[in-house]
Amino acid sequence: MFQIIPSRDSSVIALEVKGEATGADAKVVDQFAEEHYGQNDKFSVFAVIHEMKGVTLEGLLKGMKTDAKRWNQFRKFAVVSDKNWIETSAKAAAVLPGIEVKVFEKNQTDEAWDWLKK
């Protein structure tokens, strides 16, 4: 489940992630992006991942559709987690053109926000 949380910066979508990512989660994030950034304004994502049990097929498909739709709007992804597999996934995502991804430890929240602002 993704929960949109208060952001420190109006150009950043801040999320907490727990459990399983679903199609409904992708829809919530897409609607939030549409309301705040339209179809052209750039934005970054700050995601705190507490635990993630997986992704439903619907979540994967809708997430991919949202990513493709908003590809040119993404700037940076800061991922805050103490899970090692998150870092491996983020490193794989970092090879995607035009998007910077960086993983931070749970105690590096301020550093993550600072990196997003650069």
N, C-alpha and C. Protein backbone atom coordinates (compact mmCIF):
# COMPACT_ATOMS: atom_id res chain seq x y z
N MET A 1 0.84 -1.18 0.00
CA MET A 1 0.00 0.00 0.00
C MET A 1 0.88 1.24 0.00
N PHE A 2 0.57 2.18 -0.88
CA PHE A 2 1.25 3.46 -0.92
C PHE A 2 0.37 4.47 -0.20
N GLN A 3 1.00 5.30 0.62
CA GLN A 3 0.27 6.37 1.26
C GLN A 3 1.01 7.67 0.98
N ILE A 4 0.32 8.63 0.40
CA ILE A 4 0.93 9.93 0.17
C ILE A 4 1.00 10.65 1.51
N ILE A 5 2.19 11.15 1.84
CA ILE A 5 2.44 11.83 3.11
C ILE A 5 2.83 13.27 2.82
N PRO A 6 2.79 14.14 3.84
CA PRO A 6 3.19 15.53 3.61
C PRO A 6 4.62 15.63 3.07
N SER A 7 4.79 16.48 2.09
CA SER A 7 6.08 16.67 1.44
C SER A 7 6.74 17.95 1.95
N ARG A 8 8.05 17.94 2.01
CA ARG A 8 8.81 19.13 2.39
C ARG A 8 8.99 20.09 1.23
N ASP A 9 8.61 19.66 0.04
CA ASP A 9 8.85 20.45 -1.17
C ASP A 9 7.67 20.24 -2.12
N SER A 10 7.17 21.31 -2.69
CA SER A 10 5.99 21.20 -3.56
C SER A 10 6.28 20.48 -4.88
N SER A 11 7.56 20.29 -5.21
CA SER A 11 7.88 19.58 -6.45
C SER A 11 8.24 18.11 -6.20
N VAL A 12 7.86 17.61 -5.01
CA VAL A 12 8.17 16.22 -4.64
C VAL A 12 6.92 15.52 -4.13
N ILE A 13 6.65 14.35 -4.68
CA ILE A 13 5.60 13.48 -4.14
C ILE A 13 6.26 12.63 -3.06
N ALA A 14 5.76 12.71 -1.84
CA ALA A 14 6.30 11.92 -0.73
C ALA A 14 5.35 10.76 -0.45
N LEU A 15 5.93 9.56 -0.33
CA LEU A 15 5.15 8.34 -0.13
C LEU A 15 5.72 7.50 0.99
N GLU A 16 4.84 6.77 1.66
CA GLU A 16 5.25 5.67 2.54
C GLU A 16 4.73 4.40 1.90
N VAL A 17 5.56 3.37 1.90
CA VAL A 17 5.20 2.11 1.27
C VAL A 17 5.23 1.01 2.32
N LYS A 18 4.13 0.28 2.42
CA LYS A 18 4.02 -0.86 3.34
C LYS A 18 3.22 -1.95 2.65
N GLY A 19 3.64 -3.16 2.80
CA GLY A 19 2.86 -4.29 2.28
C GLY A 19 3.00 -4.48 0.79
N GLU A 20 1.87 -4.62 0.11
CA GLU A 20 1.85 -4.97 -1.30
C GLU A 20 1.41 -3.78 -2.15
N ALA A 21 2.11 -3.54 -3.26
CA ALA A 21 1.74 -2.48 -4.19
C ALA A 21 0.65 -3.02 -5.12
N THR A 22 -0.40 -2.23 -5.27
CA THR A 22 -1.55 -2.68 -6.07
C THR A 22 -1.86 -1.68 -7.18
N GLY A 23 -2.78 -2.05 -8.03
CA GLY A 23 -3.25 -1.15 -9.07
C GLY A 23 -3.87 0.11 -8.49
N ALA A 24 -4.55 -0.02 -7.37
CA ALA A 24 -5.16 1.14 -6.72
C ALA A 24 -4.07 2.13 -6.28
N ASP A 25 -2.92 1.61 -5.83
CA ASP A 25 -1.81 2.48 -5.43
C ASP A 25 -1.30 3.28 -6.62
N ALA A 26 -1.12 2.61 -7.75
CA ALA A 26 -0.65 3.29 -8.96
C ALA A 26 -1.63 4.38 -9.37
N LYS A 27 -2.90 4.09 -9.25
CA LYS A 27 -3.94 5.06 -9.62
C LYS A 27 -3.91 6.28 -8.71
N VAL A 28 -3.74 6.07 -7.41
CA VAL A 28 -3.68 7.18 -6.44
C VAL A 28 -2.50 8.10 -6.76
N VAL A 29 -1.35 7.51 -7.01
CA VAL A 29 -0.15 8.30 -7.31
C VAL A 29 -0.33 9.05 -8.63
N ASP A 30 -0.90 8.39 -9.63
CA ASP A 30 -1.12 9.03 -10.92
C ASP A 30 -2.08 10.20 -10.79
N GLN A 31 -3.16 10.02 -10.03
CA GLN A 31 -4.13 11.10 -9.84
C GLN A 31 -3.50 12.27 -9.10
N PHE A 32 -2.68 11.97 -8.09
CA PHE A 32 -2.00 13.03 -7.34
C PHE A 32 -1.08 13.81 -8.28
N ALA A 33 -0.32 13.08 -9.11
CA ALA A 33 0.59 13.73 -10.05
C ALA A 33 -0.19 14.60 -11.04
N GLU A 34 -1.30 14.10 -11.53
CA GLU A 34 -2.12 14.86 -12.47
C GLU A 34 -2.64 16.15 -11.83
N GLU A 35 -3.13 16.05 -10.59
CA GLU A 35 -3.69 17.22 -9.90
C GLU A 35 -2.62 18.27 -9.60
N HIS A 36 -1.42 17.85 -9.27
CA HIS A 36 -0.39 18.78 -8.82
C HIS A 36 0.61 19.20 -9.90
N TYR A 37 0.81 18.37 -10.92
CA TYR A 37 1.85 18.64 -11.91
C TYR A 37 1.34 18.61 -13.35
N GLY A 38 0.06 18.29 -13.53
CA GLY A 38 -0.48 18.23 -14.87
C GLY A 38 0.21 17.15 -15.69
N GLN A 39 0.41 17.41 -16.96
CA GLN A 39 1.06 16.42 -17.82
C GLN A 39 2.44 16.86 -18.27
N ASN A 40 2.91 18.02 -17.76
CA ASN A 40 4.20 18.52 -18.23
C ASN A 40 5.18 18.90 -17.13
N ASP A 41 4.71 19.35 -15.97
CA ASP A 41 5.62 19.81 -14.92
C ASP A 41 6.44 18.66 -14.36
N LYS A 42 7.71 18.92 -14.12
CA LYS A 42 8.62 17.91 -13.56
C LYS A 42 8.38 17.75 -12.06
N PHE A 43 8.64 16.55 -11.56
CA PHE A 43 8.55 16.29 -10.13
C PHE A 43 9.49 15.15 -9.75
N SER A 44 9.77 15.07 -8.46
CA SER A 44 10.60 13.99 -7.92
C SER A 44 9.75 13.18 -6.96
N VAL A 45 10.29 12.04 -6.52
CA VAL A 45 9.57 11.17 -5.59
C VAL A 45 10.48 10.86 -4.41
N PHE A 46 9.93 11.00 -3.21
CA PHE A 46 10.58 10.63 -1.96
C PHE A 46 9.78 9.46 -1.41
N ALA A 47 10.37 8.27 -1.36
CA ALA A 47 9.63 7.07 -0.93
C ALA A 47 10.31 6.43 0.27
N VAL A 48 9.56 6.33 1.36
CA VAL A 48 10.03 5.61 2.54
C VAL A 48 9.41 4.21 2.48
N ILE A 49 10.26 3.21 2.34
CA ILE A 49 9.77 1.84 2.22
C ILE A 49 10.02 1.12 3.53
N HIS A 50 8.91 0.85 4.24
CA HIS A 50 8.99 0.15 5.53
C HIS A 50 9.12 -1.35 5.31
N GLU A 51 8.24 -1.86 4.52
CA GLU A 51 8.28 -3.27 4.13
C GLU A 51 7.46 -3.40 2.87
N MET A 52 7.89 -4.26 2.02
CA MET A 52 7.15 -4.47 0.78
C MET A 52 7.09 -5.96 0.53
N LYS A 53 5.86 -6.47 0.50
CA LYS A 53 5.66 -7.90 0.35
C LYS A 53 5.56 -8.33 -1.10
N GLY A 54 5.39 -7.37 -1.98
CA GLY A 54 5.27 -7.73 -3.38
C GLY A 54 4.41 -6.76 -4.14
N VAL A 55 4.17 -7.13 -5.37
CA VAL A 55 3.37 -6.32 -6.27
C VAL A 55 2.37 -7.24 -6.93
N THR A 56 1.10 -6.82 -6.94
CA THR A 56 0.11 -7.61 -7.66
C THR A 56 0.33 -7.41 -9.16
N LEU A 57 -0.20 -8.30 -9.96
CA LEU A 57 -0.09 -8.17 -11.41
C LEU A 57 -0.73 -6.86 -11.86
N GLU A 58 -1.89 -6.56 -11.31
CA GLU A 58 -2.57 -5.31 -11.64
C GLU A 58 -1.69 -4.13 -11.24
N GLY A 59 -1.05 -4.20 -10.08
CA GLY A 59 -0.17 -3.13 -9.62
C GLY A 59 1.01 -2.94 -10.56
N LEU A 60 1.59 -4.04 -10.99
CA LEU A 60 2.72 -3.98 -11.91
C LEU A 60 2.31 -3.34 -13.24
N LEU A 61 1.20 -3.78 -13.80
CA LEU A 61 0.74 -3.26 -15.09
C LEU A 61 0.35 -1.79 -15.00
N LYS A 62 -0.40 -1.42 -13.98
CA LYS A 62 -0.80 -0.02 -13.85
C LYS A 62 0.40 0.85 -13.51
N GLY A 63 1.32 0.33 -12.71
CA GLY A 63 2.53 1.07 -12.39
C GLY A 63 3.36 1.33 -13.63
N MET A 64 3.50 0.33 -14.49
CA MET A 64 4.25 0.49 -15.72
C MET A 64 3.57 1.50 -16.64
N LYS A 65 2.25 1.46 -16.69
CA LYS A 65 1.50 2.40 -17.52
C LYS A 65 1.70 3.83 -17.02
N THR A 66 1.64 4.01 -15.70
CA THR A 66 1.85 5.33 -15.11
C THR A 66 3.26 5.81 -15.37
N ASP A 67 4.24 4.93 -15.18
CA ASP A 67 5.63 5.30 -15.41
C ASP A 67 5.84 5.76 -16.85
N ALA A 68 5.29 5.03 -17.79
CA ALA A 68 5.45 5.38 -19.21
C ALA A 68 4.77 6.71 -19.51
N LYS A 69 3.61 6.92 -18.94
CA LYS A 69 2.84 8.13 -19.16
C LYS A 69 3.55 9.36 -18.62
N ARG A 70 4.23 9.22 -17.49
CA ARG A 70 4.85 10.36 -16.80
C ARG A 70 6.38 10.39 -16.95
N TRP A 71 6.91 9.54 -17.82
CA TRP A 71 8.36 9.38 -17.94
C TRP A 71 9.12 10.71 -18.02
N ASN A 72 8.66 11.61 -18.87
CA ASN A 72 9.37 12.88 -19.06
C ASN A 72 9.18 13.86 -17.91
N GLN A 73 8.31 13.53 -16.98
CA GLN A 73 8.10 14.41 -15.83
C GLN A 73 8.99 14.04 -14.64
N PHE A 74 9.43 12.79 -14.57
CA PHE A 74 10.23 12.35 -13.44
C PHE A 74 11.60 13.01 -13.44
N ARG A 75 12.04 13.46 -12.27
CA ARG A 75 13.39 14.00 -12.10
C ARG A 75 14.24 13.00 -11.32
N LYS A 76 13.92 12.86 -10.03
CA LYS A 76 14.72 12.01 -9.15
C LYS A 76 13.80 11.16 -8.27
N PHE A 77 14.34 10.01 -7.86
CA PHE A 77 13.68 9.15 -6.89
C PHE A 77 14.64 8.96 -5.72
N ALA A 78 14.24 9.40 -4.55
CA ALA A 78 14.99 9.12 -3.33
C ALA A 78 14.24 8.02 -2.59
N VAL A 79 14.92 6.91 -2.35
CA VAL A 79 14.33 5.76 -1.68
C VAL A 79 14.98 5.63 -0.31
N VAL A 80 14.16 5.68 0.74
CA VAL A 80 14.66 5.54 2.10
C VAL A 80 14.19 4.20 2.64
N SER A 81 15.17 3.34 2.97
CA SER A 81 14.84 1.99 3.44
C SER A 81 16.05 1.35 4.08
N ASP A 82 15.80 0.38 4.93
CA ASP A 82 16.91 -0.38 5.49
C ASP A 82 16.97 -1.78 4.88
N LYS A 83 16.27 -1.96 3.79
CA LYS A 83 16.22 -3.26 3.13
C LYS A 83 17.25 -3.33 2.01
N ASN A 84 18.15 -4.29 2.03
CA ASN A 84 19.20 -4.41 1.02
C ASN A 84 18.66 -4.65 -0.38
N TRP A 85 17.56 -5.40 -0.52
CA TRP A 85 17.04 -5.69 -1.85
C TRP A 85 16.52 -4.43 -2.53
N ILE A 86 16.12 -3.43 -1.73
CA ILE A 86 15.66 -2.16 -2.30
C ILE A 86 16.82 -1.50 -3.04
N GLU A 87 18.01 -1.54 -2.42
CA GLU A 87 19.17 -0.92 -3.05
C GLU A 87 19.49 -1.59 -4.38
N THR A 88 19.41 -2.89 -4.42
CA THR A 88 19.67 -3.61 -5.67
C THR A 88 18.65 -3.21 -6.74
N SER A 89 17.38 -3.13 -6.36
CA SER A 89 16.34 -2.73 -7.31
C SER A 89 16.54 -1.30 -7.78
N ALA A 90 16.91 -0.42 -6.85
CA ALA A 90 17.11 0.98 -7.20
C ALA A 90 18.30 1.14 -8.14
N LYS A 91 19.36 0.37 -7.91
CA LYS A 91 20.51 0.44 -8.80
C LYS A 91 20.12 -0.01 -10.21
N ALA A 92 19.28 -1.01 -10.30
CA ALA A 92 18.81 -1.46 -11.61
C ALA A 92 17.99 -0.36 -12.28
N ALA A 93 17.16 0.32 -11.51
CA ALA A 93 16.33 1.39 -12.05
C ALA A 93 17.17 2.60 -12.46
N ALA A 94 18.33 2.77 -11.83
CA ALA A 94 19.18 3.92 -12.10
C ALA A 94 19.73 3.93 -13.52
N VAL A 95 19.69 2.82 -14.20
CA VAL A 95 20.17 2.79 -15.58
C VAL A 95 19.13 3.32 -16.57
N LEU A 96 17.95 3.62 -16.08
CA LEU A 96 16.90 4.15 -16.95
C LEU A 96 17.24 5.58 -17.33
N PRO A 97 17.17 5.93 -18.60
CA PRO A 97 17.59 7.25 -19.05
C PRO A 97 16.73 8.37 -18.49
N GLY A 98 17.40 9.43 -18.05
CA GLY A 98 16.70 10.63 -17.61
C GLY A 98 16.22 10.63 -16.18
N ILE A 99 16.40 9.55 -15.44
CA ILE A 99 15.91 9.49 -14.06
C ILE A 99 17.06 9.12 -13.13
N GLU A 100 17.24 9.92 -12.08
CA GLU A 100 18.24 9.62 -11.08
C GLU A 100 17.57 8.91 -9.90
N VAL A 101 18.18 7.85 -9.44
CA VAL A 101 17.66 7.08 -8.30
C VAL A 101 18.78 6.92 -7.29
N LYS A 102 18.47 7.18 -6.02
CA LYS A 102 19.47 6.99 -4.98
C LYS A 102 18.78 6.42 -3.74
N VAL A 103 19.47 5.48 -3.09
CA VAL A 103 18.93 4.83 -1.89
C VAL A 103 19.63 5.40 -0.66
N PHE A 104 18.83 5.66 0.37
CA PHE A 104 19.33 6.19 1.63
C PHE A 104 18.89 5.27 2.76
N GLU A 105 19.69 5.20 3.81
CA GLU A 105 19.33 4.45 5.01
C GLU A 105 18.23 5.21 5.76
N LYS A 106 17.53 4.51 6.63
CA LYS A 106 16.42 5.12 7.39
C LYS A 106 16.85 6.37 8.17
N ASN A 107 18.11 6.39 8.62
CA ASN A 107 18.58 7.54 9.41
C ASN A 107 19.12 8.67 8.53
N GLN A 108 18.91 8.59 7.21
CA GLN A 108 19.41 9.60 6.28
C GLN A 108 18.29 10.36 5.57
N THR A 109 17.19 10.55 6.27
CA THR A 109 16.04 11.24 5.67
C THR A 109 16.41 12.65 5.23
N ASP A 110 17.10 13.40 6.08
CA ASP A 110 17.46 14.77 5.71
C ASP A 110 18.38 14.79 4.49
N GLU A 111 19.31 13.84 4.43
CA GLU A 111 20.21 13.76 3.28
C GLU A 111 19.44 13.47 2.00
N ALA A 112 18.41 12.63 2.11
CA ALA A 112 17.58 12.31 0.94
C ALA A 112 16.88 13.57 0.43
N TRP A 113 16.31 14.34 1.34
CA TRP A 113 15.63 15.58 0.94
C TRP A 113 16.62 16.56 0.33
N ASP A 114 17.80 16.69 0.92
CA ASP A 114 18.82 17.58 0.38
C ASP A 114 19.20 17.17 -1.04
N TRP A 115 19.35 15.87 -1.27
CA TRP A 115 19.72 15.37 -2.60
C TRP A 115 18.63 15.68 -3.62
N LEU A 116 17.37 15.57 -3.23
CA LEU A 116 16.27 15.86 -4.14
C LEU A 116 16.28 17.33 -4.56
N LYS A 117 16.70 18.21 -3.69
CA LYS A 117 16.67 19.65 -3.98
C LYS A 117 17.82 20.10 -4.88
N LYS A 118 18.85 19.28 -5.04
CA LYS A 118 20.01 19.66 -5.87
C LYS A 118 19.67 19.66 -7.33
